[in-house]
Every structure is written in C-alpha cells, then in structure tokens.
Amino acid sequence: MTSSTTPTSGTHDQVEGKVHEVKGAVKQKIGHVTNNPRLEDEGAAERISGVVEKKVGDIKKVFEK
C-alpha cells in the first residue's frame, strides 16, 4: 500500500470520533425515549468523547503536514 491510501493518524481519529459521536447521540436519544437515565448518560458521555476525539484528529492533521 502507498501512503496515499493509508489513513493518517489524524484522519483515523476524526473518523473514530465521528463514529463515537453518532453512536453516543443514538444511545442518548434511545435513553431519553425509553426513560432510561443510565443509557442517556452513557450516550452523552460517548458523544462528548467522540467530539473530543475528532478535535484531537484535527490537531494531529495540522502537525502531520
């Protein structure tokens, strides 16, 4: 594989962060709809960690160039 097809560390963090952000939002919404505060809190925490992970990926991409 060439480096152009291999995702960079920053890109990987951005993608993983987005996945966690979406999963967390879904969990949070399901927890809210089913009146399950534990699931809602778990979803909120995962969503926030996804946002942070995306930001870390953004920062890494700046320094990779």
Protein backbone atom coordinates (compact mmCIF):
# COMPACT_ATOMS: atom_id res chain seq x y z
CA MET A 1 0.00 0.00 0.00
CA THR A 2 1.10 3.50 -0.68
CA SER A 3 0.92 6.30 1.83
CA SER A 4 -1.86 7.95 -0.19
CA THR A 5 -4.22 5.04 0.58
CA THR A 6 -3.19 4.66 4.21
CA PRO A 7 -5.22 6.89 6.53
CA THR A 8 -3.17 9.17 8.72
CA SER A 9 -3.42 9.07 12.47
CA GLY A 10 -5.35 12.34 12.47
CA THR A 11 -7.82 11.11 9.87
CA HIS A 12 -8.29 7.89 11.79
CA ASP A 13 -9.05 9.83 14.98
CA GLN A 14 -11.51 12.04 13.11
CA VAL A 15 -13.40 9.04 11.71
CA GLU A 16 -13.40 7.16 15.01
CA GLY A 17 -14.54 10.32 16.78
CA LYS A 18 -17.46 10.76 14.39
CA VAL A 19 -18.48 7.12 14.88
CA HIS A 20 -18.46 7.54 18.67
CA GLU A 21 -20.30 10.85 18.39
CA VAL A 22 -23.11 9.30 16.33
CA LYS A 23 -23.33 6.16 18.48
CA GLY A 24 -23.49 8.31 21.60
CA ALA A 25 -26.21 10.53 20.17
CA VAL A 26 -28.29 7.46 19.27
CA LYS A 27 -27.82 5.95 22.74
CA GLN A 28 -28.69 9.27 24.33
CA LYS A 29 -31.88 9.59 22.28
CA ILE A 30 -32.93 5.98 22.97
CA GLY A 31 -32.27 6.52 26.68
CA HIS A 32 -34.42 9.63 26.61
CA VAL A 33 -37.28 7.97 24.71
CA THR A 34 -37.25 4.86 26.92
CA ASN A 35 -36.86 6.91 30.10
CA ASN A 36 -33.55 5.18 30.88
CA PRO A 37 -31.30 7.79 32.51
CA ARG A 38 -28.31 5.42 32.66
CA LEU A 39 -28.39 4.84 28.89
CA GLU A 40 -28.98 8.54 28.27
CA ASP A 41 -25.95 9.48 30.40
CA GLU A 42 -23.83 6.78 28.77
CA GLY A 43 -24.79 8.11 25.36
CA ALA A 44 -23.98 11.68 26.34
CA ALA A 45 -20.56 10.63 27.60
CA GLU A 46 -19.79 8.68 24.42
CA ARG A 47 -20.97 11.56 22.24
CA ILE A 48 -18.76 14.03 24.08
CA SER A 49 -15.75 11.71 23.90
CA GLY A 50 -16.37 11.43 20.16
CA VAL A 51 -16.32 15.20 19.80
CA VAL A 52 -13.04 15.36 21.72
CA GLU A 53 -11.55 12.55 19.62
CA LYS A 54 -12.49 14.42 16.42
CA LYS A 55 -10.76 17.55 17.73
CA VAL A 56 -7.64 15.52 18.55
CA GLY A 57 -7.69 14.27 14.96
CA ASP A 58 -7.95 17.85 13.71
CA ILE A 59 -4.93 18.86 15.77
CA LYS A 60 -2.90 15.84 14.63
CA LYS A 61 -3.66 16.63 10.99
CA VAL A 62 -2.26 20.13 11.43
CA PHE A 63 1.05 18.75 12.71
CA GLU A 64 1.25 15.94 10.13
CA LYS A 65 1.61 18.36 7.24
